[in-house]
Amino acid sequence: MWYTSTRGMAPRVNFEGALFSGYAPDGGLYVPEELPQLDRETLRRWSTLSYRSLVKELCALFIGLELIPRDDLNGTSGDTGSASIESVQGCKNMDIIVLLPKGLCTKIQELQMTTVLMENVHVFGVEGNSDELDEPIKAVFADVPFVQRHNLMSLNSINWSRVLVQMAHHFFAYFQCAPSLDTHPLPPVEVVVPTGAGGNLAAGCIAQKMGLPIRLVVAVNSNDIIHRTVQKGDFSLGEVVKPTLASAMDIQVPYNMERIFWLLSGFDSQATRALMVQFERTQSVHLPKELHSKLSQAVTSGSVSDEAITQTMGRCWKENQYLLCPHSATAVNYHYQQTNNRQSSTISRCCLASASAAKFPEAVKAAGLTPQTPAEILALEHKETRCIPMRRGDDWMQMLRNTIEGLSQRWEGCAVNPSQ
């Protein structure tokens, strides 16, 4: 399996090259050169697998087994910052740098990251939103010799590996919800995806193209660029990023839409490049009619206010005693809208849940509910924290470069000279 850039101006790479990277050298995102097509028998066989086994089968299609043997393909995804820290803290041969939007994620989310004091963990608190902190990351990864010299990789959904694993959510959801796999054609299942940067949505679109009979609904908060794109073809920034209860979705630059545009345009890298260059230059693009038509056929969308989020959290608790996180509530809100409208469709529907409500006690309280906070989370309040400030007015890209260079020099100083 080879990977190419959505913009078509970078050399193709294997899975290792896509994994140990961020943006492609031409500013695009890595995507598979071709998508495996899954027949009915493969889907029937996969439907009997455990989640972990399903992830392994899916990954095996996209990863050369000479790079990672099949038996080594057992893993999953999580809340990006804290999950990434958890996976590498204390490692002797790897450092991790995390940028968090200071004050724009919950206190618990910050503590999960800032209380890890291992020598190889470096957390920056950025005085900016998620879109703004992506800018210095993209600038650093645009310097290809620098990336190669320091062996850099990105762990958010810029990275293809994150999207790959998220594809398993859609397959597993389908197998859980499909009434039967014995009918012809296979029955569709509607999957509602809460999203910010669009990674899980891109994963669903790719699963569709591989033959999974799902209908996608994207749920966003008041930062509604994806909703406007689906409904009107209006891929343009709003005036500001609006802080909401679903803070991880407070994004106006959903970079994974680039993968979706590439996919729905028939892998047309030239058209995708022209579209994204215009967006980067003017922050406003109206999709070509044909592309918008394909997008609106592939995806339905909805935008959810904070008030609707808290109402949904309250209703779900009352009816099911299930405590939704505010991000998951944007998806469940769509479901409630459909059931309230008494639409005649009998299609099975699945709402993807983003996170535990325990990390969002403020939203839980706003919904008139009582947070259920595990002891491990409460213990974070009493731990020492460490966070490097990135203030407005600082050169964030240079701070990143200096940190990376300093870490590399430290590793070089630890290297053993064979001649001694």
Protein backbone atom coordinates (compact mmCIF):
# COMPACT_ATOMS: atom_id res chain seq x y z
CA MET A 1 0.00 0.00 0.00
CA TRP A 2 1.38 3.37 -1.05
CA TYR A 3 0.32 6.80 0.13
CA THR A 4 0.15 10.03 -1.80
CA SER A 5 -0.59 13.64 -0.93
CA THR A 6 -4.06 15.05 -1.49
CA ARG A 7 -2.30 17.83 -3.43
CA GLY A 8 -0.32 15.50 -5.69
CA MET A 9 3.01 17.34 -5.53
CA ALA A 10 4.91 15.15 -3.05
CA PRO A 11 6.63 11.78 -3.60
CA ARG A 12 4.56 8.77 -2.60
CA VAL A 13 5.50 6.99 0.62
CA ASN A 14 4.74 3.66 2.28
CA PHE A 15 2.84 3.39 5.58
CA GLU A 16 5.99 4.07 7.57
CA GLY A 17 6.50 7.31 5.66
CA ALA A 18 2.89 8.36 6.24
CA LEU A 19 3.06 7.42 9.93
CA PHE A 20 6.27 9.28 10.72
CA SER A 21 5.07 12.55 9.28
CA GLY A 22 2.54 15.31 9.65
CA TYR A 23 1.53 17.27 6.58
CA ALA A 24 3.00 16.10 3.29
CA PRO A 25 5.83 18.28 1.92
CA ASP A 26 3.42 20.02 -0.48
CA GLY A 27 1.09 21.01 2.38
CA GLY A 28 -1.42 18.27 1.68
CA LEU A 29 -2.48 15.25 3.74
CA TYR A 30 -1.47 11.66 3.10
CA VAL A 31 -4.12 9.34 1.69
CA PRO A 32 -3.98 5.78 0.27
CA GLU A 33 -3.30 5.62 -3.46
CA GLU A 34 -6.11 3.10 -3.77
CA LEU A 35 -8.89 1.84 -1.52
CA PRO A 36 -9.53 -1.87 -1.00
CA GLN A 37 -13.05 -2.93 -1.99
CA LEU A 38 -14.82 -5.19 0.50
CA ASP A 39 -17.30 -7.80 -0.70
CA ARG A 40 -20.28 -9.18 1.21
CA GLU A 41 -18.39 -12.25 2.42
CA THR A 42 -15.59 -10.16 3.91
CA LEU A 43 -18.11 -7.97 5.72
CA ARG A 44 -19.96 -11.05 7.01
CA ARG A 45 -16.70 -12.52 8.31
CA TRP A 46 -15.67 -9.25 9.95
CA SER A 47 -19.07 -8.96 11.63
CA THR A 48 -18.19 -11.84 13.98
CA LEU A 49 -14.92 -10.28 15.18
CA SER A 50 -14.18 -8.52 18.44
CA TYR A 51 -13.40 -4.81 18.20
CA ARG A 52 -9.65 -5.39 18.57
CA SER A 53 -9.64 -8.13 15.95
CA LEU A 54 -11.63 -5.91 13.60
CA VAL A 55 -9.06 -3.11 14.00
CA LYS A 56 -6.30 -5.59 13.17
CA GLU A 57 -8.03 -6.85 10.00
CA LEU A 58 -8.69 -3.30 8.82
CA CYS A 59 -5.16 -2.11 9.53
CA ALA A 60 -3.69 -5.11 7.74
CA LEU A 61 -5.24 -3.82 4.50
CA PHE A 62 -3.36 -0.53 4.76
CA ILE A 63 -0.08 -1.49 6.41
CA GLY A 64 2.56 -3.60 4.70
CA LEU A 65 2.95 -6.72 6.84
CA GLU A 66 6.70 -6.50 6.22
CA LEU A 67 6.56 -3.23 8.22
CA ILE A 68 4.31 -4.39 11.07
CA PRO A 69 3.56 -8.12 11.39
CA ARG A 70 -0.12 -8.99 11.80
CA ASP A 71 0.34 -10.11 15.42
CA ASP A 72 1.68 -6.66 16.34
CA LEU A 73 -1.38 -4.78 15.05
CA ASN A 74 -3.35 -4.73 18.33
CA GLY A 75 -4.09 -0.87 19.24
CA THR A 76 -6.78 1.90 19.31
CA SER A 77 -7.33 5.68 19.51
CA GLY A 78 -8.23 8.02 22.37
CA ASP A 79 -8.37 11.65 23.48
CA THR A 80 -5.40 12.82 21.44
CA GLY A 81 -3.25 14.72 23.94
CA SER A 82 -3.63 12.60 27.05
CA ALA A 83 -3.75 9.31 25.13
CA SER A 84 -0.54 10.19 23.29
CA ILE A 85 1.18 11.16 26.54
CA GLU A 86 0.03 7.93 28.18
CA SER A 87 1.43 5.86 25.32
CA VAL A 88 4.97 7.28 25.41
CA GLN A 89 5.58 8.77 28.88
CA GLY A 90 8.83 7.46 30.31
CA CYS A 91 10.05 6.04 26.98
CA LYS A 92 13.81 6.19 26.63
CA ASN A 93 13.92 6.90 22.90
CA MET A 94 11.06 9.32 22.28
CA ASP A 95 9.95 12.78 23.36
CA ILE A 96 6.43 14.15 23.01
CA ILE A 97 5.44 17.80 22.60
CA VAL A 98 1.78 18.67 23.26
CA LEU A 99 0.11 21.99 22.48
CA LEU A 100 -3.12 22.64 24.37
CA PRO A 101 -5.36 25.70 23.99
CA LYS A 102 -4.98 27.19 27.46
CA GLY A 103 -8.34 27.84 29.08
CA LEU A 104 -10.29 26.48 26.10
CA CYS A 105 -10.45 22.85 27.19
CA THR A 106 -11.80 21.73 30.55
CA LYS A 107 -9.74 21.85 33.72
CA ILE A 108 -9.72 18.06 33.90
CA GLN A 109 -8.45 17.76 30.33
CA GLU A 110 -5.64 20.19 31.12
CA LEU A 111 -4.73 18.33 34.31
CA GLN A 112 -4.58 15.01 32.46
CA MET A 113 -1.77 16.49 30.42
CA THR A 114 -0.03 18.96 32.72
CA THR A 115 0.33 16.57 35.70
CA VAL A 116 2.58 14.19 33.76
CA LEU A 117 6.07 15.23 34.85
CA MET A 118 8.13 12.64 32.97
CA GLU A 119 11.32 14.02 31.44
CA ASN A 120 10.22 13.15 27.89
CA VAL A 121 6.82 14.96 28.11
CA HIS A 122 6.71 18.67 27.16
CA VAL A 123 3.33 20.41 27.39
CA PHE A 124 2.76 23.93 26.06
CA GLY A 125 -0.24 26.02 27.09
CA VAL A 126 -1.07 28.20 24.09
CA GLU A 127 -2.89 31.52 24.40
CA GLY A 128 -5.00 30.72 21.36
CA ASN A 129 -7.65 28.39 20.01
CA SER A 130 -7.19 25.02 18.32
CA ASP A 131 -6.99 26.54 14.84
CA GLU A 132 -4.31 29.00 15.94
CA LEU A 133 -2.12 26.39 17.58
CA ASP A 134 -2.25 24.28 14.41
CA GLU A 135 -0.52 27.08 12.47
CA PRO A 136 2.99 26.72 13.99
CA ILE A 137 2.70 22.92 13.73
CA LYS A 138 1.93 23.17 10.01
CA ALA A 139 4.77 25.66 9.55
CA VAL A 140 7.27 23.34 11.26
CA PHE A 141 6.17 20.34 9.18
CA ALA A 142 6.48 22.39 5.99
CA ASP A 143 10.27 22.37 6.53
CA VAL A 144 10.94 18.87 5.21
CA PRO A 145 14.71 18.74 5.96
CA PHE A 146 13.96 19.85 9.55
CA VAL A 147 11.29 17.15 9.92
CA GLN A 148 13.62 14.47 8.60
CA ARG A 149 16.61 15.62 10.62
CA HIS A 150 14.67 15.45 13.89
CA ASN A 151 12.43 12.45 13.09
CA LEU A 152 9.17 14.32 13.68
CA MET A 153 5.66 12.91 13.46
CA SER A 154 2.21 14.32 14.28
CA LEU A 155 -0.30 12.37 16.37
CA ASN A 156 -3.58 14.17 15.70
CA SER A 157 -5.82 13.43 12.73
CA ILE A 158 -3.40 15.19 10.40
CA ASN A 159 -1.75 11.78 10.60
CA TRP A 160 -3.25 9.07 8.40
CA SER A 161 -2.83 6.42 11.13
CA ARG A 162 -5.36 8.23 13.34
CA VAL A 163 -7.97 8.25 10.56
CA LEU A 164 -7.23 4.60 9.77
CA VAL A 165 -8.03 3.45 13.29
CA GLN A 166 -11.14 5.64 13.40
CA MET A 167 -12.46 3.75 10.37
CA ALA A 168 -12.94 0.79 12.68
CA HIS A 169 -15.57 2.78 14.63
CA HIS A 170 -17.77 2.83 11.55
CA PHE A 171 -17.37 -0.86 10.73
CA PHE A 172 -17.99 -1.90 14.33
CA ALA A 173 -21.02 0.40 14.58
CA TYR A 174 -22.45 -1.06 11.39
CA PHE A 175 -22.08 -4.64 12.57
CA GLN A 176 -23.70 -3.79 15.92
CA CYS A 177 -26.67 -2.01 14.33
CA ALA A 178 -27.41 -3.74 11.03
CA PRO A 179 -30.57 -5.83 11.43
CA SER A 180 -29.20 -8.61 9.21
CA LEU A 181 -26.30 -9.35 6.87
CA ASP A 182 -28.31 -11.99 5.02
CA THR A 183 -30.31 -9.60 2.84
CA HIS A 184 -29.38 -8.34 -0.60
CA PRO A 185 -28.42 -5.58 -0.82
CA LEU A 186 -27.02 -5.21 2.69
CA PRO A 187 -29.18 -2.94 4.86
CA PRO A 188 -27.93 0.63 5.41
CA VAL A 189 -27.14 2.04 8.86
CA GLU A 190 -27.04 5.75 9.63
CA VAL A 191 -23.96 6.82 11.61
CA VAL A 192 -24.03 10.22 13.32
CA VAL A 193 -20.55 11.66 13.80
CA PRO A 194 -19.78 14.56 16.16
CA THR A 195 -16.78 16.34 14.67
CA GLY A 196 -14.43 19.27 14.79
CA ALA A 197 -11.44 18.73 12.51
CA GLY A 198 -13.31 16.09 10.51
CA GLY A 199 -11.05 13.07 11.10
CA ASN A 200 -13.79 10.66 12.11
CA LEU A 201 -15.97 11.98 9.28
CA ALA A 202 -13.18 11.36 6.77
CA ALA A 203 -12.85 7.84 8.19
CA GLY A 204 -16.56 7.27 7.57
CA CYS A 205 -16.37 8.59 4.01
CA ILE A 206 -13.50 6.21 3.25
CA ALA A 207 -15.40 3.30 4.80
CA GLN A 208 -18.34 4.19 2.51
CA LYS A 209 -16.05 4.12 -0.52
CA MET A 210 -14.74 0.70 0.54
CA GLY A 211 -18.27 -0.70 0.38
CA LEU A 212 -19.64 -0.29 3.91
CA PRO A 213 -23.35 0.62 3.50
CA ILE A 214 -23.50 3.50 5.96
CA ARG A 215 -25.20 6.87 5.64
CA LEU A 216 -23.24 9.60 7.35
CA VAL A 217 -24.54 12.51 9.39
CA VAL A 218 -22.07 15.06 10.70
CA ALA A 219 -23.00 16.95 13.87
CA VAL A 220 -21.16 20.17 14.75
CA ASN A 221 -21.59 22.88 17.36
CA SER A 222 -21.96 26.61 16.68
CA ASN A 223 -18.65 26.56 14.80
CA ASP A 224 -20.50 25.33 11.75
CA ILE A 225 -18.14 25.47 8.78
CA ILE A 226 -18.67 21.79 7.93
CA HIS A 227 -22.45 22.18 8.23
CA ARG A 228 -22.39 25.19 5.88
CA THR A 229 -20.16 23.30 3.47
CA VAL A 230 -22.53 20.33 3.32
CA GLN A 231 -25.69 22.42 3.09
CA LYS A 232 -24.57 25.26 0.83
CA GLY A 233 -21.09 24.46 -0.48
CA ASP A 234 -19.85 27.39 1.63
CA PHE A 235 -16.38 26.37 2.85
CA SER A 236 -15.42 29.64 4.52
CA LEU A 237 -14.32 30.75 7.95
CA GLY A 238 -16.74 32.32 10.39
CA GLU A 239 -15.81 35.63 11.96
CA VAL A 240 -14.48 34.02 15.16
CA VAL A 241 -14.14 30.64 16.81
CA LYS A 242 -17.02 30.56 19.29
CA PRO A 243 -16.31 28.93 22.69
CA THR A 244 -18.94 26.23 23.35
CA LEU A 245 -19.63 23.44 25.83
CA ALA A 246 -18.31 21.01 23.18
CA SER A 247 -14.87 22.62 23.33
CA ALA A 248 -12.95 19.99 21.34
CA MET A 249 -15.16 20.87 18.37
CA ASP A 250 -14.45 24.61 18.57
CA ILE A 251 -12.68 24.56 15.21
CA GLN A 252 -13.08 26.69 12.09
CA VAL A 253 -10.38 25.02 9.99
CA PRO A 254 -11.45 21.35 9.68
CA TYR A 255 -8.35 20.18 7.86
CA ASN A 256 -9.67 16.68 7.16
CA MET A 257 -12.21 18.15 4.76
CA GLU A 258 -9.26 18.19 2.37
CA ARG A 259 -9.20 14.37 2.46
CA ILE A 260 -12.96 14.31 1.87
CA PHE A 261 -12.73 16.72 -1.08
CA TRP A 262 -9.98 14.57 -2.60
CA LEU A 263 -12.01 11.41 -2.07
CA LEU A 264 -15.27 12.75 -3.50
CA SER A 265 -13.57 14.44 -6.45
CA GLY A 266 -12.40 11.02 -7.66
CA PHE A 267 -8.87 11.33 -6.22
CA ASP A 268 -8.35 14.55 -8.19
CA SER A 269 -5.28 16.03 -6.52
CA GLN A 270 -5.03 18.97 -8.92
CA ALA A 271 -8.59 20.12 -8.15
CA THR A 272 -8.05 19.54 -4.42
CA ARG A 273 -4.83 21.53 -4.44
CA ALA A 274 -6.47 24.46 -6.23
CA LEU A 275 -9.37 24.42 -3.77
CA MET A 276 -7.19 24.34 -0.66
CA VAL A 277 -4.70 26.92 -1.91
CA GLN A 278 -7.59 29.28 -2.53
CA PHE A 279 -8.98 28.56 0.95
CA GLU A 280 -5.60 29.24 2.56
CA ARG A 281 -5.25 32.47 0.61
CA THR A 282 -8.77 33.88 0.99
CA GLN A 283 -10.27 31.80 3.83
CA SER A 284 -13.36 31.39 1.66
CA VAL A 285 -14.24 28.88 -1.05
CA HIS A 286 -17.52 27.97 -2.71
CA LEU A 287 -17.37 24.34 -3.76
CA PRO A 288 -17.79 23.51 -7.44
CA LYS A 289 -21.34 22.33 -8.13
CA GLU A 290 -20.39 18.72 -8.86
CA LEU A 291 -18.25 18.38 -5.72
CA HIS A 292 -20.94 19.93 -3.53
CA SER A 293 -23.51 17.57 -5.02
CA LYS A 294 -21.36 14.54 -4.20
CA LEU A 295 -20.71 15.83 -0.67
CA SER A 296 -24.39 16.42 0.05
CA GLN A 297 -25.19 12.93 -1.28
CA ALA A 298 -22.56 11.35 0.98
CA VAL A 299 -23.20 13.36 4.15
CA THR A 300 -26.12 14.98 5.97
CA SER A 301 -25.35 17.64 8.58
CA GLY A 302 -26.65 19.55 11.56
CA SER A 303 -25.43 22.34 13.85
CA VAL A 304 -26.24 22.22 17.57
CA SER A 305 -26.37 25.11 20.05
CA ASP A 306 -25.17 24.93 23.67
CA GLU A 307 -28.80 25.05 24.79
CA ALA A 308 -29.64 22.05 22.63
CA ILE A 309 -26.56 20.23 23.97
CA THR A 310 -27.64 20.62 27.61
CA GLN A 311 -31.26 19.72 26.79
CA THR A 312 -30.04 16.57 25.04
CA MET A 313 -27.80 15.61 27.96
CA GLY A 314 -30.74 16.06 30.33
CA ARG A 315 -33.16 14.05 28.19
CA CYS A 316 -30.70 11.19 27.68
CA TRP A 317 -30.11 10.93 31.42
CA LYS A 318 -33.84 11.04 32.18
CA GLU A 319 -34.75 8.42 29.61
CA ASN A 320 -31.70 6.14 29.72
CA GLN A 321 -29.62 7.06 32.80
CA TYR A 322 -26.71 7.54 30.41
CA LEU A 323 -24.50 10.58 30.96
CA LEU A 324 -23.48 12.06 27.61
CA CYS A 325 -20.44 14.23 27.13
CA PRO A 326 -21.31 17.52 25.36
CA HIS A 327 -19.68 16.39 22.12
CA SER A 328 -21.59 13.12 22.00
CA ALA A 329 -24.75 15.13 22.74
CA THR A 330 -24.49 16.90 19.38
CA ALA A 331 -24.95 13.51 17.68
CA VAL A 332 -27.76 12.35 19.97
CA ASN A 333 -29.52 15.69 19.39
CA TYR A 334 -29.83 14.76 15.71
CA HIS A 335 -31.39 11.44 16.70
CA TYR A 336 -33.91 13.18 18.95
CA GLN A 337 -34.80 15.58 16.15
CA GLN A 338 -35.55 12.67 13.83
CA THR A 339 -37.67 10.81 16.39
CA ASN A 340 -39.54 14.03 17.29
CA ASN A 341 -40.35 14.58 13.63
CA ARG A 342 -41.83 11.06 13.49
CA GLN A 343 -40.17 10.46 10.14
CA SER A 344 -41.24 7.24 8.49
CA SER A 345 -37.68 5.99 7.87
CA THR A 346 -36.98 2.72 9.65
CA ILE A 347 -33.22 2.83 9.09
CA SER A 348 -31.08 1.80 12.07
CA ARG A 349 -29.08 4.67 13.54
CA CYS A 350 -25.90 4.82 15.62
CA CYS A 351 -24.51 7.90 17.38
CA LEU A 352 -20.75 7.86 17.91
CA ALA A 353 -19.73 8.97 21.42
CA SER A 354 -16.60 11.11 21.68
CA ALA A 355 -15.54 10.96 25.31
CA SER A 356 -16.46 10.35 28.92
CA ALA A 357 -18.70 12.97 30.52
CA ALA A 358 -16.37 12.84 33.55
CA LYS A 359 -14.00 15.20 31.74
CA PHE A 360 -16.69 17.84 31.27
CA PRO A 361 -18.23 18.52 34.71
CA GLU A 362 -19.04 22.11 33.75
CA ALA A 363 -21.26 20.94 30.91
CA VAL A 364 -22.85 18.28 33.10
CA LYS A 365 -23.75 20.92 35.70
CA ALA A 366 -25.06 23.24 32.98
CA ALA A 367 -27.43 20.44 32.01
CA GLY A 368 -28.74 20.34 35.58
CA LEU A 369 -27.09 16.99 36.24
CA THR A 370 -24.59 15.76 38.81
CA PRO A 371 -21.06 14.96 37.56
CA GLN A 372 -19.86 11.43 38.20
CA THR A 373 -16.13 11.92 38.65
CA PRO A 374 -13.91 8.85 39.18
CA ALA A 375 -11.42 8.94 42.05
CA GLU A 376 -8.51 8.87 39.60
CA ILE A 377 -9.76 12.10 38.03
CA LEU A 378 -10.36 13.78 41.41
CA ALA A 379 -6.79 12.91 42.40
CA LEU A 380 -5.44 15.09 39.56
CA GLU A 381 -6.46 18.20 41.54
CA HIS A 382 -3.74 17.49 44.09
CA LYS A 383 -0.88 16.73 41.73
CA GLU A 384 1.97 19.02 40.71
CA THR A 385 1.61 20.51 37.23
CA ARG A 386 4.07 21.62 34.58
CA CYS A 387 3.15 23.66 31.51
CA ILE A 388 5.26 25.96 29.33
CA PRO A 389 3.37 29.12 28.32
CA MET A 390 3.07 30.16 24.67
CA ARG A 391 1.86 33.74 24.94
CA ARG A 392 0.39 35.96 22.28
CA GLY A 393 3.21 37.95 20.78
CA ASP A 394 5.66 35.06 21.12
CA ASP A 395 6.97 33.38 17.98
CA TRP A 396 5.27 30.03 18.46
CA MET A 397 6.91 28.38 15.48
CA GLN A 398 10.36 29.41 16.69
CA MET A 399 9.58 28.18 20.19
CA LEU A 400 8.65 24.80 18.73
CA ARG A 401 11.76 24.65 16.59
CA ASN A 402 14.00 25.63 19.50
CA THR A 403 12.43 22.99 21.72
CA ILE A 404 12.84 20.30 19.09
CA GLU A 405 16.45 21.26 18.40
CA GLY A 406 17.23 21.31 22.12
CA LEU A 407 15.80 17.82 22.55
CA SER A 408 17.76 16.52 19.56
CA GLN A 409 20.97 17.96 20.98
CA ARG A 410 20.24 16.25 24.28
CA TRP A 411 19.85 12.92 22.49
CA GLU A 412 23.05 13.51 20.52
CA GLY A 413 24.86 14.23 23.79
CA CYS A 414 23.62 10.90 25.16
CA ALA A 415 24.79 8.94 22.12
CA VAL A 416 27.55 6.44 22.65
CA ASN A 417 30.67 6.89 20.55
CA PRO A 418 31.63 3.40 19.30
CA SER A 419 35.30 4.39 19.04
CA GLN A 420 35.63 5.10 22.75
